C-alpha atoms as a PDB file:
ATOM      1  CA  MET A   1      19.735  10.359  36.425  1.00  0.00           C
ATOM      2  CA  THR A   2      18.200   7.270  38.025  1.00  0.00           C
ATOM      3  CA  PRO A   3      16.052   4.959  35.885  1.00  0.00           C
ATOM      4  CA  THR A   4      12.540   4.092  36.997  1.00  0.00           C
ATOM      5  CA  LEU A   5      12.370   0.390  37.838  1.00  0.00           C
ATOM      6  CA  ASN A   6       9.701  -1.977  36.506  1.00  0.00           C
ATOM      7  CA  HIS A   7       8.009   0.743  34.492  1.00  0.00           C
ATOM      8  CA  ASP A   8       4.629  -0.126  32.939  1.00  0.00           C
ATOM      9  CA  LEU A   9       4.615   0.431  29.157  1.00  0.00           C
ATOM     10  CA  GLN A  10       1.099  -0.738  28.360  1.00  0.00           C
ATOM     11  CA  ARG A  11      -0.063   2.830  27.751  1.00  0.00           C
ATOM     12  CA  ALA A  12       3.119   3.613  25.836  1.00  0.00           C
ATOM     13  CA  ASN A  13       2.192   1.429  22.852  1.00  0.00           C
ATOM     14  CA  THR A  14      -0.896   1.975  20.716  1.00  0.00           C
ATOM     15  CA  LEU A  15      -1.622  -1.754  20.565  1.00  0.00           C
ATOM     16  CA  GLY A  16      -2.096  -1.685  24.330  1.00  0.00           C
ATOM     17  CA  LEU A  17       0.036  -4.787  24.832  1.00  0.00           C
ATOM     18  CA  PRO A  18       1.200  -5.477  28.384  1.00  0.00           C
ATOM     19  CA  CYS A  19       4.880  -4.746  28.849  1.00  0.00           C
ATOM     20  CA  VAL A  20       7.152  -3.872  31.762  1.00  0.00           C
ATOM     21  CA  ALA A  21      10.521  -2.200  31.310  1.00  0.00           C
ATOM     22  CA  GLU A  22      13.163  -3.365  33.787  1.00  0.00           C
ATOM     23  CA  ARG A  23      14.522   0.202  33.762  1.00  0.00           C
ATOM     24  CA  PHE A  24      13.077   3.284  32.074  1.00  0.00           C
ATOM     25  CA  ILE A  25      14.284   6.816  31.381  1.00  0.00           C
ATOM     26  CA  ALA A  26      12.289   9.587  29.692  1.00  0.00           C
ATOM     27  CA  ALA A  27      15.007  11.659  28.023  1.00  0.00           C
ATOM     28  CA  GLU A  28      13.781  15.263  28.106  1.00  0.00           C
ATOM     29  CA  THR A  29      16.841  16.690  26.346  1.00  0.00           C
ATOM     30  CA  PRO A  30      19.389  15.422  23.811  1.00  0.00           C
ATOM     31  CA  SER A  31      22.062  15.540  26.509  1.00  0.00           C
ATOM     32  CA  THR A  32      19.904  13.370  28.809  1.00  0.00           C
ATOM     33  CA  LEU A  33      19.523  10.894  25.969  1.00  0.00           C
ATOM     34  CA  ALA A  34      23.279  10.821  25.380  1.00  0.00           C
ATOM     35  CA  ALA A  35      23.889  10.262  29.101  1.00  0.00           C
ATOM     36  CA  ALA A  36      21.347   7.428  29.193  1.00  0.00           C
ATOM     37  CA  LEU A  37      23.018   5.731  26.238  1.00  0.00           C
ATOM     38  CA  GLU A  38      26.396   6.080  27.949  1.00  0.00           C
ATOM     39  CA  THR A  39      24.996   4.512  31.114  1.00  0.00           C
ATOM     40  CA  ALA A  40      23.614   1.577  29.140  1.00  0.00           C
ATOM     41  CA  ARG A  41      26.997   1.073  27.448  1.00  0.00           C
ATOM     42  CA  ARG A  42      28.889   1.263  30.719  1.00  0.00           C
ATOM     43  CA  GLN A  43      26.557  -1.170  32.478  1.00  0.00           C
ATOM     44  CA  ALA A  44      26.276  -3.438  29.410  1.00  0.00           C
ATOM     45  CA  TRP A  45      22.485  -3.238  29.629  1.00  0.00           C
ATOM     46  CA  PRO A  46      20.335  -4.284  26.673  1.00  0.00           C
ATOM     47  CA  LEU A  47      18.890  -1.080  25.233  1.00  0.00           C
ATOM     48  CA  THR A  48      15.497  -0.317  23.691  1.00  0.00           C
ATOM     49  CA  VAL A  49      14.632   3.102  22.268  1.00  0.00           C
ATOM     50  CA  LEU A  50      10.908   3.856  22.398  1.00  0.00           C
ATOM     51  CA  GLY A  51       9.174   6.502  20.322  1.00  0.00           C
ATOM     52  CA  GLY A  52       5.432   7.009  20.264  1.00  0.00           C
ATOM     53  CA  GLY A  53       4.845   3.249  20.358  1.00  0.00           C
ATOM     54  CA  SER A  54       2.585   3.357  17.290  1.00  0.00           C
ATOM     55  CA  ASN A  55       4.551   0.938  15.110  1.00  0.00           C
ATOM     56  CA  LEU A  56       5.890  -1.425  17.725  1.00  0.00           C
ATOM     57  CA  ILE A  57       5.032  -4.823  19.159  1.00  0.00           C
ATOM     58  CA  LEU A  58       6.178  -5.049  22.761  1.00  0.00           C
ATOM     59  CA  PRO A  59       6.874  -8.292  24.657  1.00  0.00           C
ATOM     60  CA  ARG A  60       5.685  -8.760  28.232  1.00  0.00           C
ATOM     61  CA  ARG A  61       9.051  -7.614  29.594  1.00  0.00           C
ATOM     62  CA  LEU A  62      12.002  -5.641  28.251  1.00  0.00           C
ATOM     63  CA  GLU A  63      15.227  -6.274  30.103  1.00  0.00           C
ATOM     64  CA  GLY A  64      17.960  -3.677  30.464  1.00  0.00           C
ATOM     65  CA  LEU A  65      17.102  -0.044  29.785  1.00  0.00           C
ATOM     66  CA  VAL A  66      14.245   1.497  27.803  1.00  0.00           C
ATOM     67  CA  VAL A  67      14.835   5.115  26.774  1.00  0.00           C
ATOM     68  CA  GLN A  68      12.122   7.349  25.340  1.00  0.00           C
ATOM     69  CA  PRO A  69      13.230  10.661  23.806  1.00  0.00           C
ATOM     70  CA  THR A  70      10.635  13.264  24.785  1.00  0.00           C
ATOM     71  CA  PHE A  71      12.387  16.465  23.605  1.00  0.00           C
ATOM     72  CA  ALA A  72      10.039  18.014  21.047  1.00  0.00           C
ATOM     73  CA  GLY A  73      11.329  21.395  19.907  1.00  0.00           C
ATOM     74  CA  TRP A  74      11.060  22.635  16.352  1.00  0.00           C
ATOM     75  CA  HIS A  75      11.990  25.658  14.281  1.00  0.00           C
ATOM     76  CA  HIS A  76      12.073  26.756  10.658  1.00  0.00           C
ATOM     77  CA  HIS A  77      13.532  29.294   8.297  1.00  0.00           C
ATOM     78  CA  HIS A  78      12.678  30.425   4.788  1.00  0.00           C
ATOM     79  CA  ASP A  79      15.055  29.812   1.901  1.00  0.00           C
ATOM     80  CA  ALA A  80      14.981  31.439  -1.511  1.00  0.00           C
ATOM     81  CA  GLY A  81      12.219  30.402  -3.885  1.00  0.00           C
ATOM     82  CA  GLY A  82       9.536  29.906  -1.239  1.00  0.00           C
ATOM     83  CA  ARG A  83      11.169  26.895   0.367  1.00  0.00           C
ATOM     84  CA  ILE A  84      10.899  26.265   4.100  1.00  0.00           C
ATOM     85  CA  ARG A  85      13.435  24.190   5.991  1.00  0.00           C
ATOM     86  CA  LEU A  86      11.808  22.768   9.094  1.00  0.00           C
ATOM     87  CA  ARG A  87      13.750  20.966  11.825  1.00  0.00           C
ATOM     88  CA  ALA A  88      11.843  18.895  14.398  1.00  0.00           C
ATOM     89  CA  GLU A  89      13.184  16.961  17.368  1.00  0.00           C
ATOM     90  CA  ALA A  90      12.528  13.272  17.847  1.00  0.00           C
ATOM     91  CA  GLY A  91       9.889  13.499  20.585  1.00  0.00           C
ATOM     92  CA  MET A  92       7.528  15.797  18.696  1.00  0.00           C
ATOM     93  CA  ASN A  93       4.199  14.266  17.741  1.00  0.00           C
ATOM     94  CA  TRP A  94       4.154  13.784  13.956  1.00  0.00           C
ATOM     95  CA  HIS A  95       0.577  14.933  13.404  1.00  0.00           C
ATOM     96  CA  THR A  96       1.234  18.045  15.485  1.00  0.00           C
ATOM     97  CA  LEU A  97       4.128  18.897  13.174  1.00  0.00           C
ATOM     98  CA  VAL A  98       1.929  18.359  10.130  1.00  0.00           C
ATOM     99  CA  MET A  99      -0.747  20.694  11.469  1.00  0.00           C
ATOM    100  CA  GLU A 100       1.804  23.333  12.465  1.00  0.00           C
ATOM    101  CA  SER A 101       2.977  23.244   8.837  1.00  0.00           C
ATOM    102  CA  VAL A 102      -0.318  23.221   6.970  1.00  0.00           C
ATOM    103  CA  THR A 103      -1.884  25.975   9.078  1.00  0.00           C
ATOM    104  CA  ARG A 104       0.986  28.178   7.894  1.00  0.00           C
ATOM    105  CA  GLY A 105       0.245  27.329   4.273  1.00  0.00           C
ATOM    106  CA  TRP A 106       3.276  25.094   3.738  1.00  0.00           C
ATOM    107  CA  TRP A 107       2.996  22.222   1.280  1.00  0.00           C
ATOM    108  CA  GLY A 108       4.648  18.816   1.493  1.00  0.00           C
ATOM    109  CA  VAL A 109       3.278  16.840   4.460  1.00  0.00           C
ATOM    110  CA  GLU A 110      -0.468  17.455   4.178  1.00  0.00           C
ATOM    111  CA  ASN A 111      -1.127  13.927   2.857  1.00  0.00           C
ATOM    112  CA  LEU A 112       0.662  12.499   5.902  1.00  0.00           C
ATOM    113  CA  ALA A 113      -1.796  13.961   8.404  1.00  0.00           C
ATOM    114  CA  LEU A 114      -3.006  11.905  11.370  1.00  0.00           C
ATOM    115  CA  ILE A 115      -0.290   9.262  11.068  1.00  0.00           C
ATOM    116  CA  PRO A 116       0.372   8.333  14.712  1.00  0.00           C
ATOM    117  CA  GLY A 117       3.771   8.393  16.356  1.00  0.00           C
ATOM    118  CA  HIS A 118       6.700  10.712  16.928  1.00  0.00           C
ATOM    119  CA  CYS A 119       8.941  12.452  14.423  1.00  0.00           C
ATOM    120  CA  GLY A 120      11.926  10.344  15.443  1.00  0.00           C
ATOM    121  CA  ALA A 121      10.216   7.177  14.224  1.00  0.00           C
ATOM    122  CA  ALA A 122       8.931   8.598  10.939  1.00  0.00           C
ATOM    123  CA  PRO A 123      12.077   7.913   8.871  1.00  0.00           C
ATOM    124  CA  ILE A 124      12.456   4.332  10.125  1.00  0.00           C
ATOM    125  CA  GLN A 125       9.694   2.953   7.945  1.00  0.00           C
ATOM    126  CA  ASN A 126       9.542   5.932   5.580  1.00  0.00           C
ATOM    127  CA  ILE A 127       5.956   6.713   6.557  1.00  0.00           C
ATOM    128  CA  GLY A 128       3.587   7.228   3.685  1.00  0.00           C
ATOM    129  CA  ALA A 129      -0.081   7.767   2.904  1.00  0.00           C
ATOM    130  CA  TYR A 130      -2.337   8.932   0.071  1.00  0.00           C
ATOM    131  CA  GLY A 131       0.376   8.812  -2.582  1.00  0.00           C
ATOM    132  CA  VAL A 132       3.119  10.604  -0.616  1.00  0.00           C
ATOM    133  CA  GLU A 133       6.141   9.284   1.306  1.00  0.00           C
ATOM    134  CA  LEU A 134       8.299  11.041   3.881  1.00  0.00           C
ATOM    135  CA  ALA A 135      11.345  10.525   1.664  1.00  0.00           C
ATOM    136  CA  GLU A 136       9.921  13.084  -0.778  1.00  0.00           C
ATOM    137  CA  VAL A 137      10.240  15.949   1.710  1.00  0.00           C
ATOM    138  CA  LEU A 138      12.995  14.763   4.040  1.00  0.00           C
ATOM    139  CA  GLU A 139      16.295  16.610   3.768  1.00  0.00           C
ATOM    140  CA  SER A 140      18.327  14.978   6.534  1.00  0.00           C
ATOM    141  CA  VAL A 141      18.227  12.929   9.728  1.00  0.00           C
ATOM    142  CA  GLU A 142      20.306  13.534  12.860  1.00  0.00           C
ATOM    143  CA  LEU A 143      21.215  10.525  14.970  1.00  0.00           C
ATOM    144  CA  LEU A 144      23.359   9.135  17.771  1.00  0.00           C
ATOM    145  CA  HIS A 145      25.243   5.866  17.385  1.00  0.00           C
ATOM    146  CA  LEU A 146      24.442   3.607  20.318  1.00  0.00           C
ATOM    147  CA  ALA A 147      27.826   1.924  20.563  1.00  0.00           C
ATOM    148  CA  SER A 148      29.912   5.079  20.587  1.00  0.00           C
ATOM    149  CA  GLY A 149      27.627   8.046  21.221  1.00  0.00           C
ATOM    150  CA  ARG A 150      28.902   9.599  17.998  1.00  0.00           C
ATOM    151  CA  GLN A 151      26.592  12.156  16.402  1.00  0.00           C
ATOM    152  CA  GLN A 152      25.940  12.001  12.684  1.00  0.00           C
ATOM    153  CA  THR A 153      23.721  13.673  10.098  1.00  0.00           C
ATOM    154  CA  LEU A 154      22.530  11.564   7.168  1.00  0.00           C
ATOM    155  CA  SER A 155      21.174  13.025   3.954  1.00  0.00           C
ATOM    156  CA  ALA A 156      17.926  11.640   2.609  1.00  0.00           C
ATOM    157  CA  ALA A 157      19.876   9.755  -0.062  1.00  0.00           C
ATOM    158  CA  ALA A 158      22.045   8.098   2.593  1.00  0.00           C
ATOM    159  CA  CYS A 159      18.921   6.854   4.414  1.00  0.00           C
ATOM    160  CA  GLN A 160      18.322   4.290   1.635  1.00  0.00           C
ATOM    161  CA  PHE A 161      14.593   4.842   1.589  1.00  0.00           C
ATOM    162  CA  GLY A 162      12.282   2.329  -0.044  1.00  0.00           C
ATOM    163  CA  TYR A 163       8.663   1.345   0.372  1.00  0.00           C
ATOM    164  CA  ARG A 164       8.206   1.259   4.175  1.00  0.00           C
ATOM    165  CA  ASP A 165      11.945   0.750   4.429  1.00  0.00           C
ATOM    166  CA  SER A 166      15.156   2.582   5.276  1.00  0.00           C
ATOM    167  CA  ILE A 167      18.704   2.100   6.511  1.00  0.00           C
ATOM    168  CA  PHE A 168      17.227   2.195  10.031  1.00  0.00           C
ATOM    169  CA  LYS A 169      15.610  -1.166   9.341  1.00  0.00           C
ATOM    170  CA  GLY A 170      18.786  -2.508   7.782  1.00  0.00           C
ATOM    171  CA  GLU A 171      22.373  -1.517   8.444  1.00  0.00           C
ATOM    172  CA  LEU A 172      21.517   0.783  11.355  1.00  0.00           C
ATOM    173  CA  ALA A 173      18.779  -1.339  12.930  1.00  0.00           C
ATOM    174  CA  GLY A 174      19.379  -1.370  16.675  1.00  0.00           C
ATOM    175  CA  ARG A 175      22.572   0.633  16.227  1.00  0.00           C
ATOM    176  CA  ALA A 176      21.390   4.261  16.208  1.00  0.00           C
ATOM    177  CA  VAL A 177      18.694   6.515  17.620  1.00  0.00           C
ATOM    178  CA  ILE A 178      17.223   9.384  15.617  1.00  0.00           C
ATOM    179  CA  THR A 179      17.315  12.710  17.452  1.00  0.00           C
ATOM    180  CA  ALA A 180      15.925  15.137  14.854  1.00  0.00           C
ATOM    181  CA  LEU A 181      14.914  15.452  11.229  1.00  0.00           C
ATOM    182  CA  THR A 182      14.858  18.305   8.734  1.00  0.00           C
ATOM    183  CA  LEU A 183      12.178  18.646   6.078  1.00  0.00           C
ATOM    184  CA  THR A 184      12.031  20.837   2.996  1.00  0.00           C
ATOM    185  CA  LEU A 185       8.541  22.226   2.443  1.00  0.00           C
ATOM    186  CA  SER A 186       7.189  24.779  -0.009  1.00  0.00           C
ATOM    187  CA  GLU A 187       4.909  27.788  -0.147  1.00  0.00           C
ATOM    188  CA  ALA A 188       4.110  27.001  -3.793  1.00  0.00           C
ATOM    189  CA  PRO A 189       0.875  25.001  -4.239  1.00  0.00           C
ATOM    190  CA  ARG A 190       1.500  21.362  -5.112  1.00  0.00           C
ATOM    191  CA  PRO A 191      -1.543  19.303  -4.126  1.00  0.00           C
ATOM    192  CA  ARG A 192      -1.322  15.522  -4.568  1.00  0.00           C
ATOM    193  CA  LEU A 193      -4.916  14.355  -4.860  1.00  0.00           C
ATOM    194  CA  ALA A 194      -4.831  11.290  -7.125  1.00  0.00           C
ATOM    195  CA  TYR A 195      -5.140   8.710  -4.341  1.00  0.00           C
ATOM    196  CA  GLY A 196      -8.602   7.330  -3.667  1.00  0.00           C
ATOM    197  CA  ASP A 197     -11.407   9.866  -3.365  1.00  0.00           C
ATOM    198  CA  LEU A 198      -9.206  12.603  -1.916  1.00  0.00           C
ATOM    199  CA  ALA A 199      -9.808  14.978  -4.845  1.00  0.00           C
ATOM    200  CA  SER A 200     -13.570  14.798  -4.322  1.00  0.00           C
ATOM    201  CA  ARG A 201     -13.151  15.904  -0.717  1.00  0.00           C
ATOM    202  CA  VAL A 202     -11.540  19.260  -1.501  1.00  0.00           C
ATOM    203  CA  GLY A 203     -12.120  22.202  -3.824  1.00  0.00           C
ATOM    204  CA  ALA A 204     -10.437  22.962  -7.134  1.00  0.00           C
ATOM    205  CA  GLU A 205      -7.673  24.975  -5.460  1.00  0.00           C
ATOM    206  CA  PRO A 206      -7.333  23.589  -1.958  1.00  0.00           C
ATOM    207  CA  THR A 207      -5.029  24.837   0.752  1.00  0.00           C
ATOM    208  CA  PRO A 208      -2.655  22.418   2.476  1.00  0.00           C
ATOM    209  CA  LEU A 209      -4.868  22.687   5.577  1.00  0.00           C
ATOM    210  CA  GLU A 210      -7.921  21.609   3.572  1.00  0.00           C
ATOM    211  CA  VAL A 211      -6.036  18.601   2.189  1.00  0.00           C
ATOM    212  CA  ALA A 212      -4.779  17.630   5.651  1.00  0.00           C
ATOM    213  CA  GLU A 213      -8.287  17.909   7.094  1.00  0.00           C
ATOM    214  CA  ALA A 214      -9.688  15.770   4.263  1.00  0.00           C
ATOM    215  CA  VAL A 215      -7.011  13.124   4.810  1.00  0.00           C
ATOM    216  CA  SER A 216      -7.712  13.169   8.547  1.00  0.00           C
ATOM    217  CA  ALA A 217     -11.443  12.745   7.946  1.00  0.00           C
ATOM    218  CA  ILE A 218     -10.859   9.748   5.659  1.00  0.00           C
ATOM    219  CA  ARG A 219      -8.512   8.147   8.164  1.00  0.00           C
ATOM    220  CA  ARG A 220     -11.006   8.625  10.998  1.00  0.00           C
ATOM    221  CA  GLU A 221     -13.744   7.015   8.906  1.00  0.00           C
ATOM    222  CA  LYS A 222     -11.645   3.953   8.126  1.00  0.00           C
ATOM    223  CA  LEU A 223      -9.276   3.495  11.047  1.00  0.00           C
ATOM    224  CA  PRO A 224     -10.020   2.867  14.725  1.00  0.00           C
ATOM    225  CA  ASP A 225      -8.771   5.314  17.348  1.00  0.00           C
ATOM    226  CA  PRO A 226      -5.995   3.563  19.355  1.00  0.00           C
ATOM    227  CA  ALA A 227      -7.308   5.270  22.477  1.00  0.00           C
ATOM    228  CA  GLN A 228     -10.547   3.328  22.038  1.00  0.00           C
ATOM    229  CA  LEU A 229      -9.343   0.099  20.397  1.00  0.00           C
ATOM    230  CA  GLY A 230      -5.715  -1.000  20.456  1.00  0.00           C
ATOM    231  CA  ASN A 231      -4.055  -1.077  17.036  1.00  0.00           C
ATOM    232  CA  ALA A 232      -0.887  -0.138  15.185  1.00  0.00           C
ATOM    233  CA  GLY A 233      -2.563   1.197  12.052  1.00  0.00           C
ATOM    234  CA  SER A 234      -1.742  -0.776   8.930  1.00  0.00           C
ATOM    235  CA  PHE A 235      -0.392  -4.080  10.197  1.00  0.00           C
ATOM    236  CA  PHE A 236       0.758  -5.450   6.842  1.00  0.00           C
ATOM    237  CA  LYS A 237       2.692  -3.823   4.022  1.00  0.00           C
ATOM    238  CA  ASN A 238       1.033  -3.666   0.634  1.00  0.00           C
ATOM    239  CA  PRO A 239       2.857  -6.478  -1.187  1.00  0.00           C
ATOM    240  CA  LEU A 240       4.926  -5.962  -4.324  1.00  0.00           C
ATOM    241  CA  VAL A 241       4.666  -8.713  -6.934  1.00  0.00           C
ATOM    242  CA  SER A 242       6.007  -9.263 -10.427  1.00  0.00           C
ATOM    243  CA  ALA A 243       4.013  -8.015 -13.404  1.00  0.00           C
ATOM    244  CA  GLU A 244       3.435 -11.623 -14.457  1.00  0.00           C
ATOM    245  CA  GLN A 245       2.065 -12.637 -11.067  1.00  0.00           C
ATOM    246  CA  ALA A 246      -0.191  -9.586 -11.063  1.00  0.00           C
ATOM    247  CA  ARG A 247      -1.471 -10.525 -14.536  1.00  0.00           C
ATOM    248  CA  ARG A 248      -2.357 -14.026 -13.360  1.00  0.00           C
ATOM    249  CA  LEU A 249      -4.139 -12.696 -10.287  1.00  0.00           C
ATOM    250  CA  LEU A 250      -6.118 -10.216 -12.357  1.00  0.00           C
ATOM    251  CA  GLU A 251      -7.351 -13.046 -14.522  1.00  0.00           C
ATOM    252  CA  GLN A 252      -8.832 -14.587 -11.383  1.00  0.00           C
ATOM    253  CA  ALA A 253      -9.995 -11.292  -9.838  1.00  0.00           C
ATOM    254  CA  PRO A 254     -10.352  -8.491 -12.423  1.00  0.00           C
ATOM    255  CA  ASP A 255     -11.487  -6.048  -9.704  1.00  0.00           C
ATOM    256  CA  MET A 256      -8.262  -6.423  -7.685  1.00  0.00           C
ATOM    257  CA  PRO A 257      -6.684  -3.030  -6.938  1.00  0.00           C
ATOM    258  CA  HIS A 258      -3.194  -2.857  -8.407  1.00  0.00           C
ATOM    259  CA  PHE A 259      -0.640  -0.125  -8.928  1.00  0.00           C
ATOM    260  CA  ALA A 260       2.252  -0.326 -11.393  1.00  0.00           C
ATOM    261  CA  GLN A 261       5.624   0.659  -9.923  1.00  0.00           C
ATOM    262  CA  PRO A 262       8.585   2.356 -11.644  1.00  0.00           C
ATOM    263  CA  ASP A 263      10.682  -0.811 -11.343  1.00  0.00           C
ATOM    264  CA  GLY A 264       8.118  -2.881 -13.240  1.00  0.00           C
ATOM    265  CA  ARG A 265       6.614  -4.580 -10.227  1.00  0.00           C
ATOM    266  CA  VAL A 266       3.008  -4.140  -9.154  1.00  0.00           C
ATOM    267  CA  LYS A 267       1.809  -3.088  -5.710  1.00  0.00           C
ATOM    268  CA  LEU A 268      -1.287  -4.853  -4.421  1.00  0.00           C
ATOM    269  CA  ALA A 269      -3.652  -3.762  -1.650  1.00  0.00           C
ATOM    270  CA  ALA A 270      -3.094  -6.005   1.355  1.00  0.00           C
ATOM    271  CA  GLY A 271      -6.376  -4.938   2.902  1.00  0.00           C
ATOM    272  CA  TRP A 272      -8.297  -6.018  -0.216  1.00  0.00           C
ATOM    273  CA  LEU A 273      -6.571  -9.415  -0.218  1.00  0.00           C
ATOM    274  CA  ILE A 274      -7.450  -9.971   3.441  1.00  0.00           C
ATOM    275  CA  ASP A 275     -11.023  -8.812   2.884  1.00  0.00           C
ATOM    276  CA  ARG A 276     -11.443 -11.102  -0.132  1.00  0.00           C
ATOM    277  CA  CYS A 277     -10.425 -14.010   2.099  1.00  0.00           C
ATOM    278  CA  GLY A 278     -13.495 -13.230   4.186  1.00  0.00           C
ATOM    279  CA  LEU A 279     -11.486 -12.167   7.218  1.00  0.00           C
ATOM    280  CA  LYS A 280     -12.786  -8.641   7.802  1.00  0.00           C
ATOM    281  CA  GLY A 281     -14.311  -8.533  11.251  1.00  0.00           C
ATOM    282  CA  MET A 282     -12.915 -11.948  12.218  1.00  0.00           C
ATOM    283  CA  ARG A 283     -11.918 -12.316  15.872  1.00  0.00           C
ATOM    284  CA  ARG A 284      -9.801 -14.869  17.696  1.00  0.00           C
ATOM    285  CA  GLY A 285      -9.894 -14.186  21.423  1.00  0.00           C
ATOM    286  CA  ALA A 286      -8.111 -10.939  22.192  1.00  0.00           C
ATOM    287  CA  PHE A 287      -7.336 -10.058  18.573  1.00  0.00           C
ATOM    288  CA  GLY A 288      -9.276  -9.428  15.410  1.00  0.00           C
ATOM    289  CA  VAL A 289      -9.375  -7.925  11.932  1.00  0.00           C
ATOM    290  CA  HIS A 290     -11.032  -4.523  12.037  1.00  0.00           C
ATOM    291  CA  GLU A 291     -14.591  -4.496  10.743  1.00  0.00           C
ATOM    292  CA  ARG A 292     -14.092  -1.446   8.497  1.00  0.00           C
ATOM    293  CA  GLN A 293     -10.458  -1.821   7.418  1.00  0.00           C
ATOM    294  CA  ALA A 294      -9.056  -5.309   6.950  1.00  0.00           C
ATOM    295  CA  LEU A 295      -5.489  -4.011   6.924  1.00  0.00           C
ATOM    296  CA  VAL A 296      -5.770  -3.169  10.625  1.00  0.00           C
ATOM    297  CA  LEU A 297      -5.429  -5.812  13.308  1.00  0.00           C
ATOM    298  CA  VAL A 298      -7.003  -4.779  16.602  1.00  0.00           C
ATOM    299  CA  HIS A 299      -6.464  -5.723  20.243  1.00  0.00           C
ATOM    300  CA  HIS A 300      -9.684  -6.055  22.217  1.00  0.00           C
ATOM    301  CA  GLY A 301      -7.770  -6.468  25.484  1.00  0.00           C
ATOM    302  CA  GLY A 302      -6.244  -9.276  27.456  1.00  0.00           C
ATOM    303  CA  GLY A 303      -3.774 -10.381  24.797  1.00  0.00           C
ATOM    304  CA  ASP A 304       0.000 -10.262  24.440  1.00  0.00           C
ATOM    305  CA  ALA A 305       2.637 -10.087  21.719  1.00  0.00           C
ATOM    306  CA  GLU A 306       2.787 -13.847  21.294  1.00  0.00           C
ATOM    307  CA  GLY A 307      -0.959 -14.037  20.690  1.00  0.00           C
ATOM    308  CA  LEU A 308      -0.866 -11.119  18.251  1.00  0.00           C
ATOM    309  CA  LEU A 309       1.915 -12.664  16.180  1.00  0.00           C
ATOM    310  CA  ALA A 310       0.097 -15.985  16.032  1.00  0.00           C
ATOM    311  CA  PHE A 311      -3.088 -14.242  14.872  1.00  0.00           C
ATOM    312  CA  ALA A 312      -1.145 -12.258  12.246  1.00  0.00           C
ATOM    313  CA  GLU A 313       0.388 -15.482  10.943  1.00  0.00           C
ATOM    314  CA  GLU A 314      -3.099 -16.966  10.567  1.00  0.00           C
ATOM    315  CA  VAL A 315      -4.225 -13.971   8.504  1.00  0.00           C
ATOM    316  CA  ALA A 316      -1.102 -14.031   6.318  1.00  0.00           C
ATOM    317  CA  ALA A 317      -1.410 -17.780   5.778  1.00  0.00           C
ATOM    318  CA  ALA A 318      -4.982 -17.386   4.532  1.00  0.00           C
ATOM    319  CA  VAL A 319      -3.885 -14.777   1.976  1.00  0.00           C
ATOM    320  CA  GLU A 320      -0.983 -16.914   0.795  1.00  0.00           C
ATOM    321  CA  ALA A 321      -3.208 -19.985   0.472  1.00  0.00           C
ATOM    322  CA  ARG A 322      -5.752 -18.169  -1.687  1.00  0.00           C
ATOM    323  CA  PHE A 323      -3.596 -15.773  -3.711  1.00  0.00           C
ATOM    324  CA  GLY A 324      -0.033 -17.080  -3.440  1.00  0.00           C
ATOM    325  CA  VAL A 325       0.998 -13.677  -2.067  1.00  0.00           C
ATOM    326  CA  MET A 326       3.061 -13.373   1.106  1.00  0.00           C
ATOM    327  CA  LEU A 327       2.288 -10.541   3.491  1.00  0.00           C
ATOM    328  CA  SER A 328       4.900  -8.998   5.787  1.00  0.00           C
ATOM    329  CA  ARG A 329       4.103  -6.937   8.848  1.00  0.00           C
ATOM    330  CA  GLU A 330       4.822  -3.247   9.304  1.00  0.00           C
ATOM    331  CA  PRO A 331       5.183  -2.971  13.121  1.00  0.00           C
ATOM    332  CA  ARG A 332       8.614  -3.783  14.510  1.00  0.00           C
ATOM    333  CA  LEU A 333       9.015  -6.418  17.214  1.00  0.00           C
ATOM    334  CA  ALA A 334      10.927  -5.071  20.213  1.00  0.00           C
ATOM    335  CA  ARG A 335      13.290  -7.509  21.903  1.00  0.00           C
END
């Protein structure tokens, strides 16, 4: 197994940022992945694990070894009570898995349709959309520890899921690679249609396929296709503020979207905050705020990670200056 030298990664990240990997291996099997990790340990190479590149900011060059798991098998079996346990390998496209599920009439991931990326990256930020988070259907995650090659299976509870957060952003950040995940889905109808205008897009008794298609249509209307315009989807997390801060902001802007959380805090809409600052459609050289969805920063071409981060800081600073709310980014910065 010989790594490819000076491998171009510009097409391997949805932002379309220029990046060259000093060494690159596409791991087509779990055993190839384990061997690549062992090689990196033995050679003391810096290691980067690349998924679908949809939630990642790449620098111009990554030293050491970049490994991309591409194994994408999946299988399922039915449990008692109409439950389906579905296991998918890390390299499988997430949206493909969603569509394989909903076309079979299985409920649980229909609201997560058309989220870009691979299954192996989904637990890292606990992907979520239209009122549903991965944590609600995830049963377990299989992983390899980078330092030792030890295999481990973590339950959903052990993954320490939070809003766009998990143990893979904390204790296990840069220390493990996800190889597979297992979901628990259901044949029993359980539509979640309270978010936005989703309910108006489907019938009174929709199928999971109909919900997934409605979600996909909404996303296509609002979000740019990375194949046409570089982006990483939602660039900023929706901020969580105290109830008191939310009350003060609502006095200034009664129309501000806000969502009470179980812990007493209030979630605000980052896209609305950016839009209210007059930044929708703004462009600075290679980067801009999308004209239809202010939560999305886009790459028009010719830029790099340094320029993107500077532009993102400008957007966040404008929001903080006007509302006193700090925004934090969703995409991870590879080093």
